[in-house]
Amino acid sequence: MMNLYLSAAEYDYHTLLKVAEMAGLAGIIGFHEAGDGYLVTFPQGGKCSGSDR
């Protein structure tokens, strides 16, 4: 699994969900509150590869 931390000062939760939906990643990646931001988790493996898009 790969993790990415995004600052809540720059992005709000609903914007992150909308961007994930527009990118076709809704339900594949997860957003979790983490301190002053959000932790984004991506599945490991080929399920979410760029070649699928």
PDB file of N, CA and C in Angstrom:
ATOM      1  N   MET A   1       0.837  -1.165   0.000  1.00  0.00           N
ATOM      2  CA  MET A   1       0.000   0.000   0.000  1.00  0.00           C
ATOM      3  C   MET A   1       0.893   1.243   0.000  1.00  0.00           C
ATOM      4  N   MET A   2       0.495   2.257  -0.738  1.00  0.00           N
ATOM      5  CA  MET A   2       1.229   3.520  -0.767  1.00  0.00           C
ATOM      6  C   MET A   2       0.392   4.580  -0.070  1.00  0.00           C
ATOM      7  N   ASN A   3       1.017   5.447   0.705  1.00  0.00           N
ATOM      8  CA  ASN A   3       0.326   6.519   1.416  1.00  0.00           C
ATOM      9  C   ASN A   3       0.793   7.878   0.928  1.00  0.00           C
ATOM     10  N   LEU A   4      -0.125   8.837   0.925  1.00  0.00           N
ATOM     11  CA  LEU A   4       0.168  10.210   0.534  1.00  0.00           C
ATOM     12  C   LEU A   4      -0.520  11.113   1.533  1.00  0.00           C
ATOM     13  N   TYR A   5       0.197  12.101   2.063  1.00  0.00           N
ATOM     14  CA  TYR A   5      -0.385  13.030   3.031  1.00  0.00           C
ATOM     15  C   TYR A   5      -0.681  14.351   2.338  1.00  0.00           C
ATOM     16  N   LEU A   6      -1.921  14.854   2.473  1.00  0.00           N
ATOM     17  CA  LEU A   6      -2.322  16.145   1.914  1.00  0.00           C
ATOM     18  C   LEU A   6      -2.725  17.075   3.042  1.00  0.00           C
ATOM     19  N   SER A   7      -2.304  18.324   2.972  1.00  0.00           N
ATOM     20  CA  SER A   7      -2.627  19.310   3.989  1.00  0.00           C
ATOM     21  C   SER A   7      -4.078  19.756   3.882  1.00  0.00           C
ATOM     22  N   ALA A   8      -4.771  19.795   5.025  1.00  0.00           N
ATOM     23  CA  ALA A   8      -6.156  20.272   5.042  1.00  0.00           C
ATOM     24  C   ALA A   8      -6.219  21.770   4.795  1.00  0.00           C
ATOM     25  N   ALA A   9      -5.105  22.475   4.950  1.00  0.00           N
ATOM     26  CA  ALA A   9      -5.074  23.915   4.678  1.00  0.00           C
ATOM     27  C   ALA A   9      -5.205  24.190   3.177  1.00  0.00           C
ATOM     28  N   GLU A  10      -4.843  23.213   2.346  1.00  0.00           N
ATOM     29  CA  GLU A  10      -4.891  23.392   0.898  1.00  0.00           C
ATOM     30  C   GLU A  10      -6.068  22.674   0.253  1.00  0.00           C
ATOM     31  N   TYR A  11      -6.552  21.597   0.845  1.00  0.00           N
ATOM     32  CA  TYR A  11      -7.614  20.783   0.250  1.00  0.00           C
ATOM     33  C   TYR A  11      -8.651  20.434   1.304  1.00  0.00           C
ATOM     34  N   ASP A  12      -9.931  20.474   0.932  1.00  0.00           N
ATOM     35  CA  ASP A  12     -10.935  19.996   1.873  1.00  0.00           C
ATOM     36  C   ASP A  12     -11.393  18.598   1.452  1.00  0.00           C
ATOM     37  N   TYR A  13     -12.011  17.906   2.364  1.00  0.00           N
ATOM     38  CA  TYR A  13     -12.382  16.505   2.165  1.00  0.00           C
ATOM     39  C   TYR A  13     -13.295  16.317   0.953  1.00  0.00           C
ATOM     40  N   HIS A  14     -14.294  17.170   0.802  1.00  0.00           N
ATOM     41  CA  HIS A  14     -15.250  17.018  -0.297  1.00  0.00           C
ATOM     42  C   HIS A  14     -14.599  17.255  -1.657  1.00  0.00           C
ATOM     43  N   THR A  15     -13.635  18.157  -1.717  1.00  0.00           N
ATOM     44  CA  THR A  15     -12.898  18.381  -2.962  1.00  0.00           C
ATOM     45  C   THR A  15     -12.086  17.150  -3.325  1.00  0.00           C
ATOM     46  N   LEU A  16     -11.439  16.543  -2.337  1.00  0.00           N
ATOM     47  CA  LEU A  16     -10.665  15.326  -2.591  1.00  0.00           C
ATOM     48  C   LEU A  16     -11.556  14.206  -3.115  1.00  0.00           C
ATOM     49  N   LEU A  17     -12.739  14.047  -2.531  1.00  0.00           N
ATOM     50  CA  LEU A  17     -13.658  13.015  -2.997  1.00  0.00           C
ATOM     51  C   LEU A  17     -14.109  13.281  -4.429  1.00  0.00           C
ATOM     52  N   LYS A  18     -14.402  14.531  -4.759  1.00  0.00           N
ATOM     53  CA  LYS A  18     -14.849  14.880  -6.101  1.00  0.00           C
ATOM     54  C   LYS A  18     -13.749  14.636  -7.130  1.00  0.00           C
ATOM     55  N   VAL A  19     -12.519  15.010  -6.811  1.00  0.00           N
ATOM     56  CA  VAL A  19     -11.391  14.786  -7.721  1.00  0.00           C
ATOM     57  C   VAL A  19     -11.182  13.282  -7.933  1.00  0.00           C
ATOM     58  N   ALA A  20     -11.271  12.494  -6.863  1.00  0.00           N
ATOM     59  CA  ALA A  20     -11.129  11.044  -6.982  1.00  0.00           C
ATOM     60  C   ALA A  20     -12.225  10.478  -7.879  1.00  0.00           C
ATOM     61  N   GLU A  21     -13.445  10.974  -7.728  1.00  0.00           N
ATOM     62  CA  GLU A  21     -14.557  10.512  -8.556  1.00  0.00           C
ATOM     63  C   GLU A  21     -14.322  10.868 -10.025  1.00  0.00           C
ATOM     64  N   MET A  22     -13.887  12.086 -10.295  1.00  0.00           N
ATOM     65  CA  MET A  22     -13.638  12.519 -11.671  1.00  0.00           C
ATOM     66  C   MET A  22     -12.499  11.730 -12.309  1.00  0.00           C
ATOM     67  N   ALA A  23     -11.549  11.293 -11.498  1.00  0.00           N
ATOM     68  CA  ALA A  23     -10.405  10.526 -12.007  1.00  0.00           C
ATOM     69  C   ALA A  23     -10.712   9.028 -12.116  1.00  0.00           C
ATOM     70  N   GLY A  24     -11.919   8.628 -11.724  1.00  0.00           N
ATOM     71  CA  GLY A  24     -12.269   7.217 -11.780  1.00  0.00           C
ATOM     72  C   GLY A  24     -11.687   6.401 -10.644  1.00  0.00           C
ATOM     73  N   LEU A  25     -11.324   7.055  -9.549  1.00  0.00           N
ATOM     74  CA  LEU A  25     -10.685   6.358  -8.430  1.00  0.00           C
ATOM     75  C   LEU A  25     -11.588   6.232  -7.205  1.00  0.00           C
ATOM     76  N   ALA A  26     -12.837   6.675  -7.305  1.00  0.00           N
ATOM     77  CA  ALA A  26     -13.760   6.579  -6.170  1.00  0.00           C
ATOM     78  C   ALA A  26     -13.931   5.110  -5.802  1.00  0.00           C
ATOM     79  N   GLY A  27     -13.781   4.790  -4.539  1.00  0.00           N
ATOM     80  CA  GLY A  27     -13.896   3.420  -4.079  1.00  0.00           C
ATOM     81  C   GLY A  27     -12.605   2.623  -4.182  1.00  0.00           C
ATOM     82  N   ILE A  28     -11.617   3.165  -4.884  1.00  0.00           N
ATOM     83  CA  ILE A  28     -10.328   2.484  -5.016  1.00  0.00           C
ATOM     84  C   ILE A  28      -9.335   3.059  -4.014  1.00  0.00           C
ATOM     85  N   ILE A  29      -9.288   4.385  -3.930  1.00  0.00           N
ATOM     86  CA  ILE A  29      -8.405   5.023  -2.959  1.00  0.00           C
ATOM     87  C   ILE A  29      -9.226   5.430  -1.743  1.00  0.00           C
ATOM     88  N   GLY A  30      -8.568   5.586  -0.617  1.00  0.00           N
ATOM     89  CA  GLY A  30      -9.256   5.969   0.611  1.00  0.00           C
ATOM     90  C   GLY A  30      -8.666   7.224   1.209  1.00  0.00           C
ATOM     91  N   PHE A  31      -9.516   8.049   1.827  1.00  0.00           N
ATOM     92  CA  PHE A  31      -9.090   9.269   2.505  1.00  0.00           C
ATOM     93  C   PHE A  31      -9.368   9.118   3.985  1.00  0.00           C
ATOM     94  N   HIS A  32      -8.381   9.457   4.813  1.00  0.00           N
ATOM     95  CA  HIS A  32      -8.506   9.318   6.256  1.00  0.00           C
ATOM     96  C   HIS A  32      -7.963  10.585   6.908  1.00  0.00           C
ATOM     97  N   GLU A  33      -8.708  11.130   7.882  1.00  0.00           N
ATOM     98  CA  GLU A  33      -8.217  12.306   8.596  1.00  0.00           C
ATOM     99  C   GLU A  33      -6.957  11.938   9.363  1.00  0.00           C
ATOM    100  N   ALA A  34      -5.964  12.836   9.299  1.00  0.00           N
ATOM    101  CA  ALA A  34      -4.685  12.600   9.969  1.00  0.00           C
ATOM    102  C   ALA A  34      -4.126  13.935  10.435  1.00  0.00           C
ATOM    103  N   GLY A  35      -4.343  14.252  11.677  1.00  0.00           N
ATOM    104  CA  GLY A  35      -3.833  15.516  12.206  1.00  0.00           C
ATOM    105  C   GLY A  35      -4.462  16.698  11.504  1.00  0.00           C
ATOM    106  N   ASP A  36      -3.636  17.523  10.881  1.00  0.00           N
ATOM    107  CA  ASP A  36      -4.111  18.709  10.178  1.00  0.00           C
ATOM    108  C   ASP A  36      -4.281  18.457   8.686  1.00  0.00           C
ATOM    109  N   GLY A  37      -4.500  17.224   8.305  1.00  0.00           N
ATOM    110  CA  GLY A  37      -4.635  16.924   6.886  1.00  0.00           C
ATOM    111  C   GLY A  37      -5.320  15.594   6.662  1.00  0.00           C
ATOM    112  N   TYR A  38      -5.064  15.025   5.506  1.00  0.00           N
ATOM    113  CA  TYR A  38      -5.676  13.760   5.120  1.00  0.00           C
ATOM    114  C   TYR A  38      -4.609  12.802   4.626  1.00  0.00           C
ATOM    115  N   LEU A  39      -4.762  11.561   4.985  1.00  0.00           N
ATOM    116  CA  LEU A  39      -3.891  10.508   4.498  1.00  0.00           C
ATOM    117  C   LEU A  39      -4.650   9.798   3.385  1.00  0.00           C
ATOM    118  N   VAL A  40      -4.047   9.736   2.206  1.00  0.00           N
ATOM    119  CA  VAL A  40      -4.660   9.081   1.056  1.00  0.00           C
ATOM    120  C   VAL A  40      -3.975   7.732   0.889  1.00  0.00           C
ATOM    121  N   THR A  41      -4.745   6.665   0.836  1.00  0.00           N
ATOM    122  CA  THR A  41      -4.173   5.336   0.671  1.00  0.00           C
ATOM    123  C   THR A  41      -4.532   4.776  -0.704  1.00  0.00           C
ATOM    124  N   PHE A  42      -3.552   4.176  -1.334  1.00  0.00           N
ATOM    125  CA  PHE A  42      -3.696   3.563  -2.644  1.00  0.00           C
ATOM    126  C   PHE A  42      -3.436   2.071  -2.512  1.00  0.00           C
ATOM    127  N   PRO A  43      -4.190   1.240  -3.217  1.00  0.00           N
ATOM    128  CA  PRO A  43      -3.898  -0.192  -3.165  1.00  0.00           C
ATOM    129  C   PRO A  43      -2.582  -0.501  -3.841  1.00  0.00           C
ATOM    130  N   GLN A  44      -1.910  -1.528  -3.379  1.00  0.00           N
ATOM    131  CA  GLN A  44      -0.638  -1.929  -3.999  1.00  0.00           C
ATOM    132  C   GLN A  44      -0.940  -2.952  -5.074  1.00  0.00           C
ATOM    133  N   GLY A  45      -0.227  -2.872  -6.162  1.00  0.00           N
ATOM    134  CA  GLY A  45      -0.414  -3.827  -7.241  1.00  0.00           C
ATOM    135  C   GLY A  45      -0.923  -3.150  -8.499  1.00  0.00           C
ATOM    136  N   GLY A  46      -1.284  -3.953  -9.484  1.00  0.00           N
ATOM    137  CA  GLY A  46      -1.678  -3.447 -10.795  1.00  0.00           C
ATOM    138  C   GLY A  46      -3.114  -3.013 -10.911  1.00  0.00           C
ATOM    139  N   LYS A  47      -3.918  -3.122  -9.846  1.00  0.00           N
ATOM    140  CA  LYS A  47      -5.333  -2.800  -9.932  1.00  0.00           C
ATOM    141  C   LYS A  47      -5.574  -1.353 -10.325  1.00  0.00           C
ATOM    142  N   CYS A  48      -4.666  -0.459  -9.999  1.00  0.00           N
ATOM    143  CA  CYS A  48      -4.864   0.966 -10.216  1.00  0.00           C
ATOM    144  C   CYS A  48      -3.728   1.536 -11.075  1.00  0.00           C
ATOM    145  N   SER A  49      -3.375   0.854 -12.132  1.00  0.00           N
ATOM    146  CA  SER A  49      -2.248   1.309 -12.941  1.00  0.00           C
ATOM    147  C   SER A  49      -2.692   2.307 -13.996  1.00  0.00           C
ATOM    148  N   GLY A  50      -1.788   3.140 -14.431  1.00  0.00           N
ATOM    149  CA  GLY A  50      -2.080   4.123 -15.449  1.00  0.00           C
ATOM    150  C   GLY A  50      -2.468   3.511 -16.778  1.00  0.00           C
ATOM    151  N   SER A  51      -2.052   2.280 -17.053  1.00  0.00           N
ATOM    152  CA  SER A  51      -2.392   1.642 -18.319  1.00  0.00           C
ATOM    153  C   SER A  51      -3.858   1.268 -18.410  1.00  0.00           C
ATOM    154  N   ASP A  52      -4.563   1.285 -17.259  1.00  0.00           N
ATOM    155  CA  ASP A  52      -5.990   0.965 -17.256  1.00  0.00           C
ATOM    156  C   ASP A  52      -6.839   2.163 -17.632  1.00  0.00           C
ATOM    157  N   ARG A  53      -6.267   3.318 -17.713  1.00  0.00           N
ATOM    158  CA  ARG A  53      -7.032   4.552 -17.948  1.00  0.00           C
ATOM    159  C   ARG A  53      -6.977   4.953 -19.382  1.00  0.00           C
TER     160      ARG A  53
END
